[in-house]
All heavy atoms as atom14 arrays in JSON, in Angstrom:
{
  "sequence": "PDGTYLPFHLQVLHLAGDRVAKVSAFFDDRLFARFGLPIVLQ",
  "atom14_mask": [
    [1, 1, 1, 1, 1, 1, 1, 0, 0, 0, 0, 0, 0, 0],
    [1, 1, 1, 1, 1, 1, 1, 1, 0, 0, 0, 0, 0, 0],
    [1, 1, 1, 1, 0, 0, 0, 0, 0, 0, 0, 0, 0, 0],
    [1, 1, 1, 1, 1, 1, 1, 0, 0, 0, 0, 0, 0, 0],
    [1, 1, 1, 1, 1, 1, 1, 1, 1, 1, 1, 1, 0, 0],
    [1, 1, 1, 1, 1, 1, 1, 1, 0, 0, 0, 0, 0, 0],
    [1, 1, 1, 1, 1, 1, 1, 0, 0, 0, 0, 0, 0, 0],
    [1, 1, 1, 1, 1, 1, 1, 1, 1, 1, 1, 0, 0, 0],
    [1, 1, 1, 1, 1, 1, 1, 1, 1, 1, 0, 0, 0, 0],
    [1, 1, 1, 1, 1, 1, 1, 1, 0, 0, 0, 0, 0, 0],
    [1, 1, 1, 1, 1, 1, 1, 1, 1, 0, 0, 0, 0, 0],
    [1, 1, 1, 1, 1, 1, 1, 0, 0, 0, 0, 0, 0, 0],
    [1, 1, 1, 1, 1, 1, 1, 1, 0, 0, 0, 0, 0, 0],
    [1, 1, 1, 1, 1, 1, 1, 1, 1, 1, 0, 0, 0, 0],
    [1, 1, 1, 1, 1, 1, 1, 1, 0, 0, 0, 0, 0, 0],
    [1, 1, 1, 1, 1, 0, 0, 0, 0, 0, 0, 0, 0, 0],
    [1, 1, 1, 1, 0, 0, 0, 0, 0, 0, 0, 0, 0, 0],
    [1, 1, 1, 1, 1, 1, 1, 1, 0, 0, 0, 0, 0, 0],
    [1, 1, 1, 1, 1, 1, 1, 1, 1, 1, 1, 0, 0, 0],
    [1, 1, 1, 1, 1, 1, 1, 0, 0, 0, 0, 0, 0, 0],
    [1, 1, 1, 1, 1, 0, 0, 0, 0, 0, 0, 0, 0, 0],
    [1, 1, 1, 1, 1, 1, 1, 1, 1, 0, 0, 0, 0, 0],
    [1, 1, 1, 1, 1, 1, 1, 0, 0, 0, 0, 0, 0, 0],
    [1, 1, 1, 1, 1, 1, 0, 0, 0, 0, 0, 0, 0, 0],
    [1, 1, 1, 1, 1, 0, 0, 0, 0, 0, 0, 0, 0, 0],
    [1, 1, 1, 1, 1, 1, 1, 1, 1, 1, 1, 0, 0, 0],
    [1, 1, 1, 1, 1, 1, 1, 1, 1, 1, 1, 0, 0, 0],
    [1, 1, 1, 1, 1, 1, 1, 1, 0, 0, 0, 0, 0, 0],
    [1, 1, 1, 1, 1, 1, 1, 1, 0, 0, 0, 0, 0, 0],
    [1, 1, 1, 1, 1, 1, 1, 1, 1, 1, 1, 0, 0, 0],
    [1, 1, 1, 1, 1, 1, 1, 1, 0, 0, 0, 0, 0, 0],
    [1, 1, 1, 1, 1, 1, 1, 1, 1, 1, 1, 0, 0, 0],
    [1, 1, 1, 1, 1, 0, 0, 0, 0, 0, 0, 0, 0, 0],
    [1, 1, 1, 1, 1, 1, 1, 1, 1, 1, 1, 0, 0, 0],
    [1, 1, 1, 1, 1, 1, 1, 1, 1, 1, 1, 0, 0, 0],
    [1, 1, 1, 1, 0, 0, 0, 0, 0, 0, 0, 0, 0, 0],
    [1, 1, 1, 1, 1, 1, 1, 1, 0, 0, 0, 0, 0, 0],
    [1, 1, 1, 1, 1, 1, 1, 0, 0, 0, 0, 0, 0, 0],
    [1, 1, 1, 1, 1, 1, 1, 1, 0, 0, 0, 0, 0, 0],
    [1, 1, 1, 1, 1, 1, 1, 0, 0, 0, 0, 0, 0, 0],
    [1, 1, 1, 1, 1, 1, 1, 1, 0, 0, 0, 0, 0, 0],
    [1, 1, 1, 1, 1, 1, 1, 1, 1, 0, 0, 0, 0, 0]
  ],
  "atom14_positions": [
    [[0.8, -1.23, 0.0], [0.0, 0.0, 0.0], [0.83, 1.28, 0.0], [0.38, 2.31, -0.5], [-0.83, -0.12, 1.29], [-0.94, -1.59, 1.53], [0.37, -2.16, 1.08], [0.0, 0.0, 0.0], [0.0, 0.0, 0.0], [0.0, 0.0, 0.0], [0.0, 0.0, 0.0], [0.0, 0.0, 0.0], [0.0, 0.0, 0.0], [0.0, 0.0, 0.0]],
    [[2.05, 1.23, 0.55], [2.87, 2.44, 0.62], [3.67, 2.68, -0.66], [4.48, 3.6, -0.73], [3.82, 2.39, 1.82], [4.83, 1.24, 1.73], [4.79, 0.48, 0.74], [5.67, 1.12, 2.64], [0.0, 0.0, 0.0], [0.0, 0.0, 0.0], [0.0, 0.0, 0.0], [0.0, 0.0, 0.0], [0.0, 0.0, 0.0], [0.0, 0.0, 0.0]],
    [[3.46, 1.85, -1.68], [4.14, 2.04, -2.95], [5.42, 1.25, -3.11], [6.02, 1.24, -4.2], [0.0, 0.0, 0.0], [0.0, 0.0, 0.0], [0.0, 0.0, 0.0], [0.0, 0.0, 0.0], [0.0, 0.0, 0.0], [0.0, 0.0, 0.0], [0.0, 0.0, 0.0], [0.0, 0.0, 0.0], [0.0, 0.0, 0.0], [0.0, 0.0, 0.0]],
    [[5.87, 0.59, -2.05], [7.06, -0.25, -2.14], [6.67, -1.66, -2.6], [5.49, -1.99, -2.73], [7.79, -0.34, -0.79], [6.93, -0.97, 0.17], [8.16, 1.06, -0.3], [0.0, 0.0, 0.0], [0.0, 0.0, 0.0], [0.0, 0.0, 0.0], [0.0, 0.0, 0.0], [0.0, 0.0, 0.0], [0.0, 0.0, 0.0], [0.0, 0.0, 0.0]],
    [[7.7, -2.48, -2.82], [7.49, -3.88, -3.22], [8.34, -4.75, -2.3], [9.54, -4.52, -2.15], [7.9, -4.1, -4.68], [7.13, -3.27, -5.67], [7.48, -1.95, -5.92], [6.04, -3.8, -6.36], [6.77, -1.17, -6.83], [5.33, -3.05, -7.28], [5.7, -1.73, -7.51], [5.0, -0.97, -8.41], [0.0, 0.0, 0.0], [0.0, 0.0, 0.0]],
    [[7.7, -5.76, -1.68], [8.39, -6.63, -0.75], [8.48, -8.06, -1.31], [7.67, -8.45, -2.14], [7.66, -6.66, 0.6], [7.61, -5.34, 1.37], [6.88, -5.53, 2.7], [9.01, -4.77, 1.6], [0.0, 0.0, 0.0], [0.0, 0.0, 0.0], [0.0, 0.0, 0.0], [0.0, 0.0, 0.0], [0.0, 0.0, 0.0], [0.0, 0.0, 0.0]],
    [[9.47, -8.84, -0.86], [9.62, -10.21, -1.35], [8.35, -11.03, -1.15], [7.72, -10.97, -0.09], [10.76, -10.76, -0.5], [11.58, -9.56, -0.14], [10.57, -8.47, 0.08], [0.0, 0.0, 0.0], [0.0, 0.0, 0.0], [0.0, 0.0, 0.0], [0.0, 0.0, 0.0], [0.0, 0.0, 0.0], [0.0, 0.0, 0.0], [0.0, 0.0, 0.0]],
    [[8.0, -11.8, -2.16], [6.83, -12.69, -2.1], [7.27, -14.14, -2.22], [6.99, -14.95, -1.35], [5.84, -12.34, -3.19], [4.55, -13.12, -3.11], [3.7, -12.96, -2.03], [4.19, -14.0, -4.11], [2.51, -13.68, -1.95], [3.01, -14.73, -4.04], [2.16, -14.56, -2.96], [0.0, 0.0, 0.0], [0.0, 0.0, 0.0], [0.0, 0.0, 0.0]],
    [[7.96, -14.48, -3.29], [8.56, -15.8, -3.39], [9.73, -15.79, -4.37], [9.86, -14.88, -5.2], [7.53, -16.89, -3.77], [6.94, -16.78, -5.13], [5.59, -16.9, -5.36], [7.5, -16.58, -6.35], [5.35, -16.78, -6.65], [6.49, -16.58, -7.27], [0.0, 0.0, 0.0], [0.0, 0.0, 0.0], [0.0, 0.0, 0.0], [0.0, 0.0, 0.0]],
    [[10.56, -16.81, -4.25], [11.72, -16.98, -5.12], [11.45, -18.14, -6.06], [11.19, -19.26, -5.62], [12.98, -17.25, -4.3], [14.27, -17.4, -5.11], [14.78, -16.04, -5.54], [15.33, -18.13, -4.3], [0.0, 0.0, 0.0], [0.0, 0.0, 0.0], [0.0, 0.0, 0.0], [0.0, 0.0, 0.0], [0.0, 0.0, 0.0], [0.0, 0.0, 0.0]],
    [[11.46, -17.88, -7.36], [11.21, -18.92, -8.36], [12.52, -19.45, -8.92], [13.35, -18.67, -9.39], [10.37, -18.39, -9.52], [8.96, -17.98, -9.16], [8.16, -17.59, -10.39], [8.51, -17.93, -11.52], [7.06, -16.87, -10.18], [0.0, 0.0, 0.0], [0.0, 0.0, 0.0], [0.0, 0.0, 0.0], [0.0, 0.0, 0.0], [0.0, 0.0, 0.0]],
    [[12.7, -20.76, -8.89], [13.8, -21.42, -9.58], [13.2, -22.17, -10.77], [12.3, -23.0, -10.59], [14.55, -22.39, -8.66], [15.7, -23.07, -9.42], [15.1, -21.65, -7.45], [0.0, 0.0, 0.0], [0.0, 0.0, 0.0], [0.0, 0.0, 0.0], [0.0, 0.0, 0.0], [0.0, 0.0, 0.0], [0.0, 0.0, 0.0], [0.0, 0.0, 0.0]],
    [[13.67, -21.86, -11.97], [13.08, -22.39, -13.18], [13.94, -23.5, -13.79], [15.17, -23.42, -13.77], [12.9, -21.28, -14.23], [11.65, -20.39, -14.13], [11.5, -19.75, -12.78], [11.68, -19.33, -15.23], [0.0, 0.0, 0.0], [0.0, 0.0, 0.0], [0.0, 0.0, 0.0], [0.0, 0.0, 0.0], [0.0, 0.0, 0.0], [0.0, 0.0, 0.0]],
    [[13.27, -24.49, -14.34], [13.92, -25.53, -15.13], [13.33, -25.46, -16.53], [12.1, -25.52, -16.69], [13.7, -26.91, -14.5], [14.23, -27.02, -13.1], [15.54, -27.32, -12.82], [13.63, -26.82, -11.91], [15.73, -27.32, -11.51], [14.57, -27.02, -10.94], [0.0, 0.0, 0.0], [0.0, 0.0, 0.0], [0.0, 0.0, 0.0], [0.0, 0.0, 0.0]],
    [[14.18, -25.32, -17.52], [13.73, -25.07, -18.88], [13.75, -26.34, -19.72], [14.55, -27.26, -19.48], [14.61, -24.01, -19.55], [14.78, -22.68, -18.8], [15.58, -21.71, -19.64], [13.44, -22.09, -18.39], [0.0, 0.0, 0.0], [0.0, 0.0, 0.0], [0.0, 0.0, 0.0], [0.0, 0.0, 0.0], [0.0, 0.0, 0.0], [0.0, 0.0, 0.0]],
    [[12.86, -26.37, -20.7], [12.85, -27.4, -21.73], [12.79, -26.66, -23.06], [11.73, -26.2, -23.47], [11.66, -28.34, -21.57], [0.0, 0.0, 0.0], [0.0, 0.0, 0.0], [0.0, 0.0, 0.0], [0.0, 0.0, 0.0], [0.0, 0.0, 0.0], [0.0, 0.0, 0.0], [0.0, 0.0, 0.0], [0.0, 0.0, 0.0], [0.0, 0.0, 0.0]],
    [[13.94, -26.48, -23.67], [13.99, -25.67, -24.87], [13.68, -24.23, -24.53], [14.27, -23.66, -23.6], [0.0, 0.0, 0.0], [0.0, 0.0, 0.0], [0.0, 0.0, 0.0], [0.0, 0.0, 0.0], [0.0, 0.0, 0.0], [0.0, 0.0, 0.0], [0.0, 0.0, 0.0], [0.0, 0.0, 0.0], [0.0, 0.0, 0.0], [0.0, 0.0, 0.0]],
    [[12.74, -23.64, -25.27], [12.39, -22.25, -25.0], [11.06, -22.14, -24.25], [10.29, -21.2, -24.45], [12.33, -21.45, -26.32], [11.3, -22.01, -27.29], [10.74, -23.1, -27.01], [11.05, -21.37, -28.33], [0.0, 0.0, 0.0], [0.0, 0.0, 0.0], [0.0, 0.0, 0.0], [0.0, 0.0, 0.0], [0.0, 0.0, 0.0], [0.0, 0.0, 0.0]],
    [[10.82, -23.11, -23.36], [9.65, -23.08, -22.49], [10.08, -23.44, -21.07], [11.13, -24.04, -20.85], [8.57, -24.06, -22.96], [7.89, -23.66, -24.27], [7.06, -22.4, -24.09], [6.36, -22.02, -25.32], [6.86, -21.18, -26.22], [8.09, -20.67, -26.05], [6.18, -20.87, -27.29], [0.0, 0.0, 0.0], [0.0, 0.0, 0.0], [0.0, 0.0, 0.0]],
    [[9.25, -23.07, -20.09], [9.5, -23.39, -18.69], [8.81, -24.72, -18.37], [7.59, -24.83, -18.52], [8.98, -22.28, -17.76], [9.21, -22.66, -16.3], [9.68, -20.96, -18.09], [0.0, 0.0, 0.0], [0.0, 0.0, 0.0], [0.0, 0.0, 0.0], [0.0, 0.0, 0.0], [0.0, 0.0, 0.0], [0.0, 0.0, 0.0], [0.0, 0.0, 0.0]],
    [[9.59, -25.7, -17.94], [9.04, -27.03, -17.65], [8.72, -27.22, -16.18], [7.88, -28.05, -15.84], [10.03, -28.11, -18.1], [0.0, 0.0, 0.0], [0.0, 0.0, 0.0], [0.0, 0.0, 0.0], [0.0, 0.0, 0.0], [0.0, 0.0, 0.0], [0.0, 0.0, 0.0], [0.0, 0.0, 0.0], [0.0, 0.0, 0.0], [0.0, 0.0, 0.0]],
    [[9.38, -26.46, -15.3], [9.15, -26.63, -13.87], [9.51, -25.35, -13.14], [10.51, -24.7, -13.46], [9.98, -27.8, -13.33], [9.77, -28.1, -11.86], [10.6, -29.31, -11.43], [10.39, -29.67, -9.99], [11.22, -30.82, -9.58], [0.0, 0.0, 0.0], [0.0, 0.0, 0.0], [0.0, 0.0, 0.0], [0.0, 0.0, 0.0], [0.0, 0.0, 0.0]],
    [[8.69, -25.0, -12.17], [8.95, -23.85, -11.31], [8.91, -24.32, -9.86], [7.93, -24.93, -9.42], [7.91, -22.72, -11.51], [8.2, -21.56, -10.56], [7.91, -22.25, -12.96], [0.0, 0.0, 0.0], [0.0, 0.0, 0.0], [0.0, 0.0, 0.0], [0.0, 0.0, 0.0], [0.0, 0.0, 0.0], [0.0, 0.0, 0.0], [0.0, 0.0, 0.0]],
    [[9.98, -24.06, -9.13], [10.01, -24.3, -7.69], [9.93, -22.94, -7.02], [10.86, -22.14, -7.12], [11.3, -25.03, -7.28], [11.39, -26.28, -7.93], [0.0, 0.0, 0.0], [0.0, 0.0, 0.0], [0.0, 0.0, 0.0], [0.0, 0.0, 0.0], [0.0, 0.0, 0.0], [0.0, 0.0, 0.0], [0.0, 0.0, 0.0], [0.0, 0.0, 0.0]],
    [[8.8, -22.66, -6.38], [8.55, -21.35, -5.77], [8.74, -21.46, -4.26], [8.0, -22.17, -3.59], [7.15, -20.87, -6.11], [0.0, 0.0, 0.0], [0.0, 0.0, 0.0], [0.0, 0.0, 0.0], [0.0, 0.0, 0.0], [0.0, 0.0, 0.0], [0.0, 0.0, 0.0], [0.0, 0.0, 0.0], [0.0, 0.0, 0.0], [0.0, 0.0, 0.0]],
    [[9.75, -20.74, -3.74], [10.07, -20.77, -2.32], [9.46, -19.56, -1.63], [9.88, -18.43, -1.87], [11.59, -20.76, -2.12], [12.3, -21.97, -2.66], [12.64, -22.04, -3.99], [12.63, -23.03, -1.83], [13.31, -23.15, -4.5], [13.29, -24.14, -2.32], [13.63, -24.2, -3.66], [0.0, 0.0, 0.0], [0.0, 0.0, 0.0], [0.0, 0.0, 0.0]],
    [[8.47, -19.8, -0.75], [7.83, -18.71, -0.03], [8.55, -18.46, 1.29], [8.04, -18.72, 2.37], [6.36, -19.04, 0.21], [5.51, -18.97, -1.03], [5.43, -20.05, -1.91], [4.82, -17.81, -1.35], [4.67, -19.99, -3.05], [4.05, -17.74, -2.5], [3.98, -18.82, -3.36], [0.0, 0.0, 0.0], [0.0, 0.0, 0.0], [0.0, 0.0, 0.0]],
    [[9.76, -17.96, 1.17], [10.57, -17.64, 2.35], [11.4, -16.41, 2.0], [12.39, -16.5, 1.27], [11.48, -18.81, 2.72], [12.27, -18.55, 4.0], [12.24, -17.4, 4.5], [12.92, -19.47, 4.5], [0.0, 0.0, 0.0], [0.0, 0.0, 0.0], [0.0, 0.0, 0.0], [0.0, 0.0, 0.0], [0.0, 0.0, 0.0], [0.0, 0.0, 0.0]],
    [[10.99, -15.25, 2.5], [11.66, -14.01, 2.1], [13.1, -13.93, 2.59], [13.87, -13.1, 2.11], [10.86, -12.78, 2.54], [10.59, -12.73, 4.04], [11.24, -13.48, 4.79], [9.73, -11.94, 4.45], [0.0, 0.0, 0.0], [0.0, 0.0, 0.0], [0.0, 0.0, 0.0], [0.0, 0.0, 0.0], [0.0, 0.0, 0.0], [0.0, 0.0, 0.0]],
    [[13.5, -14.81, 3.53], [14.89, -14.8, 3.98], [15.84, -15.22, 2.87], [17.03, -14.89, 2.9], [15.05, -15.74, 5.18], [14.36, -15.26, 6.45], [14.41, -16.31, 7.53], [13.68, -17.52, 7.17], [13.6, -18.59, 7.94], [14.21, -18.61, 9.12], [12.92, -19.65, 7.54], [0.0, 0.0, 0.0], [0.0, 0.0, 0.0], [0.0, 0.0, 0.0]],
    [[15.34, -15.96, 1.89], [16.18, -16.42, 0.79], [16.61, -15.28, -0.13], [17.6, -15.4, -0.83], [15.46, -17.5, -0.02], [15.18, -18.81, 0.71], [14.4, -19.75, -0.18], [16.47, -19.46, 1.18], [0.0, 0.0, 0.0], [0.0, 0.0, 0.0], [0.0, 0.0, 0.0], [0.0, 0.0, 0.0], [0.0, 0.0, 0.0], [0.0, 0.0, 0.0]],
    [[15.86, -14.18, -0.14], [16.19, -13.09, -1.06], [17.58, -12.54, -0.78], [18.38, -12.36, -1.68], [15.13, -11.99, -0.96], [13.91, -12.25, -1.8], [13.1, -13.35, -1.55], [13.56, -11.41, -2.83], [11.98, -13.62, -2.32], [12.43, -11.65, -3.62], [11.65, -12.76, -3.35], [0.0, 0.0, 0.0], [0.0, 0.0, 0.0], [0.0, 0.0, 0.0]],
    [[17.86, -12.27, 0.49], [19.18, -11.73, 0.84], [20.27, -12.75, 0.53], [21.36, -12.38, 0.07], [19.21, -11.34, 2.31], [0.0, 0.0, 0.0], [0.0, 0.0, 0.0], [0.0, 0.0, 0.0], [0.0, 0.0, 0.0], [0.0, 0.0, 0.0], [0.0, 0.0, 0.0], [0.0, 0.0, 0.0], [0.0, 0.0, 0.0], [0.0, 0.0, 0.0]],
    [[19.98, -14.02, 0.74], [20.99, -15.06, 0.5], [21.28, -15.21, -0.98], [22.33, -15.72, -1.37], [20.52, -16.39, 1.11], [20.4, -16.34, 2.63], [19.83, -17.62, 3.2], [20.76, -18.73, 3.08], [20.52, -19.94, 3.58], [19.36, -20.17, 4.2], [21.4, -20.9, 3.45], [0.0, 0.0, 0.0], [0.0, 0.0, 0.0], [0.0, 0.0, 0.0]],
    [[20.35, -14.79, -1.83], [20.57, -14.82, -3.26], [21.0, -13.46, -3.8], [21.02, -13.24, -5.01], [19.3, -15.28, -3.99], [19.15, -16.78, -4.06], [18.54, -17.47, -3.03], [19.63, -17.49, -5.13], [18.4, -18.85, -3.08], [19.5, -18.86, -5.2], [18.89, -19.54, -4.17], [0.0, 0.0, 0.0], [0.0, 0.0, 0.0], [0.0, 0.0, 0.0]],
    [[21.35, -12.54, -2.9], [21.84, -11.24, -3.34], [20.76, -10.29, -3.83], [21.06, -9.32, -4.54], [0.0, 0.0, 0.0], [0.0, 0.0, 0.0], [0.0, 0.0, 0.0], [0.0, 0.0, 0.0], [0.0, 0.0, 0.0], [0.0, 0.0, 0.0], [0.0, 0.0, 0.0], [0.0, 0.0, 0.0], [0.0, 0.0, 0.0], [0.0, 0.0, 0.0]],
    [[19.51, -10.54, -3.45], [18.4, -9.69, -3.89], [18.01, -8.72, -2.78], [18.07, -9.06, -1.6], [17.19, -10.56, -4.26], [17.38, -11.5, -5.46], [16.2, -12.46, -5.56], [17.56, -10.71, -6.75], [0.0, 0.0, 0.0], [0.0, 0.0, 0.0], [0.0, 0.0, 0.0], [0.0, 0.0, 0.0], [0.0, 0.0, 0.0], [0.0, 0.0, 0.0]],
    [[17.58, -7.51, -3.13], [17.18, -6.53, -2.1], [15.94, -6.99, -1.36], [15.11, -7.73, -1.89], [16.9, -5.26, -2.92], [16.64, -5.73, -4.31], [17.48, -6.96, -4.5], [0.0, 0.0, 0.0], [0.0, 0.0, 0.0], [0.0, 0.0, 0.0], [0.0, 0.0, 0.0], [0.0, 0.0, 0.0], [0.0, 0.0, 0.0], [0.0, 0.0, 0.0]],
    [[15.81, -6.54, -0.11], [14.67, -6.95, 0.7], [13.49, -5.99, 0.54], [12.4, -6.27, 1.04], [15.06, -7.06, 2.19], [15.59, -5.71, 2.71], [16.09, -8.15, 2.39], [15.85, -5.7, 4.2], [0.0, 0.0, 0.0], [0.0, 0.0, 0.0], [0.0, 0.0, 0.0], [0.0, 0.0, 0.0], [0.0, 0.0, 0.0], [0.0, 0.0, 0.0]],
    [[13.69, -4.9, -0.15], [12.6, -3.99, -0.46], [12.94, -3.25, -1.76], [14.1, -2.93, -2.0], [12.34, -2.98, 0.7], [13.56, -2.12, 0.95], [11.11, -2.12, 0.42], [0.0, 0.0, 0.0], [0.0, 0.0, 0.0], [0.0, 0.0, 0.0], [0.0, 0.0, 0.0], [0.0, 0.0, 0.0], [0.0, 0.0, 0.0], [0.0, 0.0, 0.0]],
    [[11.93, -3.05, -2.57], [12.1, -2.28, -3.81], [11.28, -1.0, -3.7], [10.1, -1.04, -3.35], [11.61, -3.08, -5.02], [12.44, -4.28, -5.5], [11.75, -4.91, -6.72], [13.85, -3.85, -5.85], [0.0, 0.0, 0.0], [0.0, 0.0, 0.0], [0.0, 0.0, 0.0], [0.0, 0.0, 0.0], [0.0, 0.0, 0.0], [0.0, 0.0, 0.0]],
    [[11.9, 0.11, -4.01], [11.2, 1.37, -4.16], [10.76, 1.49, -5.62], [11.3, 0.82, -6.5], [12.12, 2.53, -3.78], [12.64, 2.49, -2.36], [11.56, 2.72, -1.32], [10.49, 3.29, -1.62], [11.81, 2.27, -0.09], [0.0, 0.0, 0.0], [0.0, 0.0, 0.0], [0.0, 0.0, 0.0], [0.0, 0.0, 0.0], [0.0, 0.0, 0.0]]
  ]
}
């Protein structure tokens, strides 16, 4: 609501050619920092 964007989930993709065959979605915002991603977006 304040205009910022907060972590929701981390998607790890497995591809089959030029399509996505599998998505592993991790709903743990602690992983964002461990993957070098900011914890808040303006």
